[in-house]
């Protein structure tokens, strides 16, 4: 695997993250969970983000510094996301107690915060150096996944998603060593990844739609097979096109797109309903959702650039030098 580092960043990971955020935005534009394309996206895209987060995780530091950093990069953007979403709801007249809670308690960044703190503890126990700690962590986490999924536990603060998210995070961190080893190998066996594309599609078509924010994965065998297939495929594609500057830029600015895209899509759908009241094709149907997707990206790109320059602290980023 050819790993190119540019200004301290690994290019193929940025490219992979860029692909992932574009898929997230497309999935939310599609809306319908039963859409065949969306079922494929749902089968792996959020596990991919937890995997990448683990892959990029550094070694444990002083806890107070670590905690402050995670609050800054994960919880502050969660509040920003809630503010933007609430503003759109106020304009559209859809504000209520339920939407307000949903806006400010978005699951992904919150769960990633939990996972980061838990993994800090696991690191301190010797996850990296002690085989029995790694084995114990995986066994306990897998048991937790099965128990929580079986009991169908749902909490307001999304605690039930932690075991599954932590699993992909730990695997991502564990893969750091194997990636660096594979970087020194050109064995053709690593090119069989392309066969995982049909496997992932088949698994997603036979499984129910994966809804990670509800901790609903359907058949766990189909879910894990589809999720790992999708993760490997997107990572390999990211590796192959790591020279694509546009994708790298998307990957480096993922947090802006993630935080903003919810309110932008919601706002565009509200405008669409107002302007095309008698339209026979629903907002989320094919091919209408492609129009919303393109419009969303056309709006998100300049706004993300503006936010990265002037409002980066609201998105958990250091203030850019002007």
Protein backbone atom coordinates (compact mmCIF):
# COMPACT_ATOMS: atom_id res chain seq x y z
CA UNK A 1 0.00 0.00 0.00
CA UNK A 2 1.42 3.32 -1.04
CA UNK A 3 0.89 5.82 1.77
CA UNK A 4 1.64 9.41 0.85
CA UNK A 5 1.83 11.98 3.62
CA UNK A 6 1.22 15.63 2.86
CA UNK A 7 1.72 18.18 5.64
CA UNK A 8 1.40 15.49 8.28
CA UNK A 9 -1.76 13.98 6.78
CA UNK A 10 -2.17 10.63 5.08
CA UNK A 11 -3.61 11.38 1.66
CA UNK A 12 -5.48 8.13 1.04
CA UNK A 13 -7.29 8.49 4.38
CA UNK A 14 -8.38 12.02 3.43
CA UNK A 15 -9.55 10.71 0.04
CA UNK A 16 -11.42 7.87 1.75
CA UNK A 17 -13.03 10.28 4.20
CA UNK A 18 -14.00 12.47 1.23
CA UNK A 19 -15.78 9.55 -0.45
CA UNK A 20 -17.49 8.69 2.83
CA UNK A 21 -18.93 12.17 3.45
CA UNK A 22 -20.19 12.39 -0.15
CA UNK A 23 -22.00 9.08 0.41
CA UNK A 24 -23.47 10.34 3.70
CA UNK A 25 -24.88 13.43 2.00
CA UNK A 26 -26.26 11.34 -0.88
CA UNK A 27 -27.88 8.91 1.55
CA UNK A 28 -29.63 11.74 3.39
CA UNK A 29 -30.80 13.21 0.08
CA UNK A 30 -32.26 9.84 -0.93
CA UNK A 31 -34.09 9.66 2.38
CA UNK A 32 -35.90 6.37 1.77
CA UNK A 33 -34.28 3.54 3.72
CA UNK A 34 -35.61 0.96 1.26
CA UNK A 35 -34.00 2.52 -1.82
CA UNK A 36 -31.52 -0.12 -3.15
CA UNK A 37 -28.69 2.40 -3.48
CA UNK A 38 -29.31 3.78 -0.01
CA UNK A 39 -29.35 0.27 1.46
CA UNK A 40 -25.84 -0.26 0.11
CA UNK A 41 -24.66 3.09 1.53
CA UNK A 42 -26.30 2.43 4.91
CA UNK A 43 -24.68 -0.99 5.14
CA UNK A 44 -21.19 0.44 5.71
CA UNK A 45 -20.87 4.24 5.65
CA UNK A 46 -21.13 4.99 9.39
CA UNK A 47 -19.04 1.95 10.43
CA UNK A 48 -16.49 3.33 7.95
CA UNK A 49 -16.34 6.64 9.82
CA UNK A 50 -15.73 4.89 13.14
CA UNK A 51 -13.10 2.70 11.46
CA UNK A 52 -11.30 5.76 10.04
CA UNK A 53 -11.53 7.51 13.42
CA UNK A 54 -9.79 4.53 15.01
CA UNK A 55 -7.24 4.44 12.21
CA UNK A 56 -6.39 8.09 12.88
CA UNK A 57 -6.42 7.84 16.68
CA UNK A 58 -3.17 8.77 18.37
CA UNK A 59 -1.56 7.33 21.46
CA UNK A 60 -3.04 8.17 24.85
CA UNK A 61 -2.05 11.51 26.33
CA UNK A 62 -2.75 13.33 29.59
CA UNK A 63 -6.46 12.76 30.21
CA UNK A 64 -7.39 16.38 30.96
CA UNK A 65 -5.82 17.58 27.69
CA UNK A 66 -7.38 14.68 25.80
CA UNK A 67 -10.84 15.39 27.25
CA UNK A 68 -10.67 19.10 26.44
CA UNK A 69 -9.63 18.30 22.88
CA UNK A 70 -12.49 15.84 22.39
CA UNK A 71 -15.02 18.29 23.81
CA UNK A 72 -13.72 20.88 21.36
CA UNK A 73 -13.65 18.70 18.23
CA UNK A 74 -16.79 16.61 18.89
CA UNK A 75 -19.21 18.27 21.32
CA UNK A 76 -18.85 21.86 20.11
CA UNK A 77 -19.74 20.84 16.50
CA UNK A 78 -22.72 18.90 17.92
CA UNK A 79 -24.07 22.14 19.39
CA UNK A 80 -23.38 24.01 16.14
CA UNK A 81 -25.27 21.32 14.22
CA UNK A 82 -28.20 21.69 16.61
CA UNK A 83 -28.31 25.46 16.19
CA UNK A 84 -28.36 25.28 12.37
CA UNK A 85 -31.02 22.57 12.34
CA UNK A 86 -33.18 24.47 14.84
CA UNK A 87 -32.99 27.66 12.77
CA UNK A 88 -34.30 25.77 9.74
CA UNK A 89 -37.08 24.22 11.84
CA UNK A 90 -38.07 27.67 13.11
CA UNK A 91 -38.33 29.01 9.56
CA UNK A 92 -40.27 25.97 8.31
CA UNK A 93 -42.57 25.97 11.34
CA UNK A 94 -41.63 22.42 12.31
CA UNK A 95 -40.09 23.22 15.68
CA UNK A 96 -41.28 21.18 18.65
CA UNK A 97 -39.87 19.42 21.70
CA UNK A 98 -39.07 16.28 19.70
CA UNK A 99 -37.22 18.00 16.86
CA UNK A 100 -35.36 20.21 19.34
CA UNK A 101 -34.06 17.16 21.22
CA UNK A 102 -33.13 15.45 17.95
CA UNK A 103 -31.27 18.52 16.70
CA UNK A 104 -29.05 18.92 19.75
CA UNK A 105 -28.58 15.23 20.50
CA UNK A 106 -27.32 14.10 17.11
CA UNK A 107 -25.97 10.60 17.54
CA UNK A 108 -22.72 10.30 15.56
CA UNK A 109 -20.47 12.94 17.12
CA UNK A 110 -21.87 12.18 20.57
CA UNK A 111 -21.18 8.45 20.23
CA UNK A 112 -17.71 9.15 18.81
CA UNK A 113 -17.05 11.24 21.93
CA UNK A 114 -18.07 8.35 24.20
CA UNK A 115 -15.99 5.89 22.20
CA UNK A 116 -12.92 8.15 22.27
CA UNK A 117 -13.08 8.40 26.07
CA UNK A 118 -13.60 4.65 26.52
CA UNK A 119 -10.76 3.86 24.12
CA UNK A 120 -8.47 6.17 26.09
CA UNK A 121 -9.03 3.90 29.11
CA UNK A 122 -8.48 0.76 27.01
CA UNK A 123 -5.25 2.25 25.67
CA UNK A 124 -4.05 2.95 29.19
CA UNK A 125 -4.72 -0.69 30.08
CA UNK A 126 -2.31 -1.76 27.31
CA UNK A 127 -4.43 -2.33 24.19
CA UNK A 128 -1.48 -1.70 21.88
CA UNK A 129 1.14 -3.87 23.58
CA UNK A 130 -0.71 -6.55 25.52
CA UNK A 131 -2.38 -9.26 23.46
CA UNK A 132 -4.64 -10.42 26.28
CA UNK A 133 -5.96 -6.86 26.77
CA UNK A 134 -6.82 -6.65 23.07
CA UNK A 135 -8.51 -10.04 23.15
CA UNK A 136 -10.42 -9.18 26.32
CA UNK A 137 -11.54 -5.83 24.89
CA UNK A 138 -12.86 -7.46 21.71
CA UNK A 139 -14.64 -10.28 23.59
CA UNK A 140 -16.34 -7.94 26.07
CA UNK A 141 -17.31 -5.54 23.30
CA UNK A 142 -18.74 -8.27 21.04
CA UNK A 143 -20.77 -9.66 23.94
CA UNK A 144 -22.03 -6.14 24.64
CA UNK A 145 -23.03 -5.75 20.98
CA UNK A 146 -25.06 -8.96 21.03
CA UNK A 147 -26.75 -8.17 24.37
CA UNK A 148 -27.68 -4.59 23.49
CA UNK A 149 -28.97 -5.54 20.02
CA UNK A 150 -30.99 -8.47 21.39
CA UNK A 151 -32.57 -6.36 24.14
CA UNK A 152 -33.33 -3.57 21.62
CA UNK A 153 -32.26 -0.91 24.09
CA UNK A 154 -32.88 2.70 23.02
CA UNK A 155 -31.65 5.69 25.06
CA UNK A 156 -31.97 9.43 24.53
CA UNK A 157 -28.18 9.89 24.63
CA UNK A 158 -27.47 6.94 22.30
CA UNK A 159 -25.49 4.85 24.80
CA UNK A 160 -26.71 1.66 23.10
CA UNK A 161 -24.66 2.43 19.96
CA UNK A 162 -21.35 2.53 21.87
CA UNK A 163 -20.46 -1.22 21.66
CA UNK A 164 -20.86 -1.42 17.87
CA UNK A 165 -19.11 1.90 17.28
CA UNK A 166 -16.27 0.94 19.63
CA UNK A 167 -15.79 -2.34 17.76
CA UNK A 168 -15.14 -0.60 14.42
CA UNK A 169 -13.02 2.05 16.17
CA UNK A 170 -10.80 -0.60 17.79
CA UNK A 171 -10.46 -2.52 14.53
CA UNK A 172 -9.45 0.70 12.77
CA UNK A 173 -6.80 1.39 15.40
CA UNK A 174 -5.60 -2.22 15.22
CA UNK A 175 -5.25 -1.95 11.44
CA UNK A 176 -2.63 0.79 11.72
CA UNK A 177 0.16 -1.76 12.08
CA UNK A 178 -1.08 -4.04 9.31
CA UNK A 179 -1.45 -1.08 6.92
CA UNK A 180 2.14 -0.02 7.50
CA UNK A 181 3.31 -3.60 6.97
CA UNK A 182 1.32 -3.93 3.77
CA UNK A 183 2.89 -0.69 2.57
CA UNK A 184 6.10 -2.68 2.15
CA UNK A 185 4.39 -5.47 0.22
CA UNK A 186 3.08 -5.65 -3.33
CA UNK A 187 1.51 -9.08 -2.96
CA UNK A 188 -1.21 -9.51 -5.59
CA UNK A 189 -3.51 -11.09 -2.99
CA UNK A 190 -4.40 -7.60 -1.77
CA UNK A 191 -6.01 -6.83 -5.12
CA UNK A 192 -8.83 -9.32 -4.61
CA UNK A 193 -10.67 -6.53 -2.76
CA UNK A 194 -12.67 -5.85 -5.93
CA UNK A 195 -14.55 -9.11 -5.33
CA UNK A 196 -15.95 -7.57 -2.15
CA UNK A 197 -18.10 -5.14 -4.19
CA UNK A 198 -20.71 -7.75 -5.25
CA UNK A 199 -20.51 -9.35 -1.79
CA UNK A 200 -21.39 -6.03 -0.14
CA UNK A 201 -24.24 -5.39 -2.58
CA UNK A 202 -25.69 -8.88 -2.06
CA UNK A 203 -25.50 -8.58 1.74
CA UNK A 204 -27.25 -5.20 1.72
CA UNK A 205 -29.99 -6.45 -0.61
CA UNK A 206 -30.77 -9.51 1.54
CA UNK A 207 -30.49 -7.66 4.86
CA UNK A 208 -32.92 -5.07 6.19
CA UNK A 209 -31.81 -1.41 5.91
CA UNK A 210 -29.07 -0.79 8.48
CA UNK A 211 -30.08 2.08 10.77
CA UNK A 212 -27.13 2.61 13.08
CA UNK A 213 -28.69 5.56 14.92
CA UNK A 214 -31.43 3.16 16.05
CA UNK A 215 -28.88 0.40 16.68
CA UNK A 216 -30.75 -1.71 14.12
CA UNK A 217 -28.47 -3.94 12.02
CA UNK A 218 -30.80 -6.72 10.94
CA UNK A 219 -28.96 -10.00 10.49
CA UNK A 220 -25.59 -9.51 12.21
CA UNK A 221 -23.75 -11.88 9.86
CA UNK A 222 -25.01 -10.00 6.79
CA UNK A 223 -24.31 -6.68 8.50
CA UNK A 224 -20.70 -7.44 9.44
CA UNK A 225 -19.96 -9.00 6.04
CA UNK A 226 -21.45 -6.03 4.20
CA UNK A 227 -19.88 -3.44 6.50
CA UNK A 228 -16.35 -4.83 6.28
CA UNK A 229 -16.71 -5.34 2.52
CA UNK A 230 -17.74 -1.70 2.09
CA UNK A 231 -14.97 -0.45 4.38
CA UNK A 232 -12.26 -2.34 2.49
CA UNK A 233 -13.60 -1.30 -0.92
CA UNK A 234 -13.84 2.42 -0.08
CA UNK A 235 -10.39 2.39 1.59
CA UNK A 236 -8.88 0.72 -1.47
CA UNK A 237 -10.58 3.19 -3.81
CA UNK A 238 -9.30 6.03 -1.62
CA UNK A 239 -5.81 4.57 -1.90
CA UNK A 240 -6.04 4.30 -5.69
CA UNK A 241 -7.25 7.88 -6.19
CA UNK A 242 -5.31 9.55 -3.37
CA UNK A 243 -3.94 12.11 -5.82
CA UNK A 244 -7.44 13.54 -6.38
CA UNK A 245 -7.17 16.97 -4.76
CA UNK A 246 -10.94 17.56 -4.68
CA UNK A 247 -11.61 14.38 -2.72
CA UNK A 248 -8.72 15.17 -0.37
CA UNK A 249 -10.21 18.62 0.22
CA UNK A 250 -13.61 17.06 1.01
CA UNK A 251 -11.87 14.67 3.39
CA UNK A 252 -9.96 17.44 5.15
CA UNK A 253 -13.17 19.45 5.59
CA UNK A 254 -15.52 16.60 6.48
CA UNK A 255 -16.67 18.18 9.74
CA UNK A 256 -18.02 21.28 7.95
CA UNK A 257 -19.98 19.19 5.47
CA UNK A 258 -21.26 16.85 8.16
CA UNK A 259 -22.48 19.62 10.47
CA UNK A 260 -24.03 21.75 7.71
CA UNK A 261 -25.58 19.20 5.37
CA UNK A 262 -28.51 18.29 7.62
CA UNK A 263 -29.89 21.83 7.73
CA UNK A 264 -29.12 22.46 4.06
CA UNK A 265 -30.99 19.37 2.87
CA UNK A 266 -33.86 20.08 5.27
CA UNK A 267 -34.02 23.69 4.03
CA UNK A 268 -33.94 22.69 0.36
CA UNK A 269 -36.74 20.19 0.90
CA UNK A 270 -38.82 22.86 2.62
CA UNK A 271 -38.29 25.24 -0.32
CA UNK A 272 -39.10 22.41 -2.74
CA UNK A 273 -42.40 21.68 -0.99
CA UNK A 274 -43.35 25.36 -1.05
CA UNK A 275 -42.44 25.95 -4.70
CA UNK A 276 -43.67 22.63 -6.10
CA UNK A 277 -46.74 21.90 -3.99
CA UNK A 278 -48.48 19.98 -6.77
CA UNK A 279 -45.44 18.03 -7.94
CA UNK A 280 -46.41 14.37 -8.45
CA UNK A 281 -42.87 13.14 -7.68
CA UNK A 282 -42.06 13.16 -3.93
CA UNK A 283 -38.98 15.08 -2.76
CA UNK A 284 -37.03 11.95 -1.83
CA UNK A 285 -37.84 9.92 -4.96
CA UNK A 286 -35.57 9.13 -7.92
CA UNK A 287 -34.47 11.17 -9.86
CA UNK A 288 -35.49 14.18 -7.73
CA UNK A 289 -33.07 13.34 -4.96
CA UNK A 290 -30.15 13.78 -7.38
CA UNK A 291 -31.27 17.38 -7.91
CA UNK A 292 -31.23 17.95 -4.15
CA UNK A 293 -27.84 16.25 -3.91
CA UNK A 294 -26.25 18.47 -6.56
CA UNK A 295 -27.86 21.61 -5.12
CA UNK A 296 -26.72 20.66 -1.62
CA UNK A 297 -23.11 20.25 -2.75
CA UNK A 298 -23.17 23.49 -4.75
CA UNK A 299 -24.28 25.33 -1.62
CA UNK A 300 -22.19 23.39 0.88
CA UNK A 301 -18.86 23.89 -0.89
CA UNK A 302 -18.73 27.72 -0.69
CA UNK A 303 -20.36 27.83 2.76
CA UNK A 304 -17.88 25.27 4.08
CA UNK A 305 -15.02 27.34 2.69
CA UNK A 306 -16.46 30.42 4.38
CA UNK A 307 -16.90 28.60 7.70
CA UNK A 308 -13.40 27.11 7.58
CA UNK A 309 -11.96 30.59 7.15
CA UNK A 310 -14.06 32.61 9.60
CA UNK A 311 -15.95 30.27 11.94
CA UNK A 312 -13.71 27.22 12.31
CA UNK A 313 -13.86 27.12 16.17
CA UNK A 314 -17.62 26.46 15.93
CA UNK A 315 -16.75 23.27 14.05
CA UNK A 316 -14.04 22.11 16.43
CA UNK A 317 -11.19 23.39 14.29
CA UNK A 318 -8.40 25.77 15.22
CA UNK A 319 -8.88 29.31 14.02
CA UNK A 320 -7.42 29.60 10.53
CA UNK A 321 -4.67 32.10 9.85
CA UNK A 322 -5.81 34.92 7.63
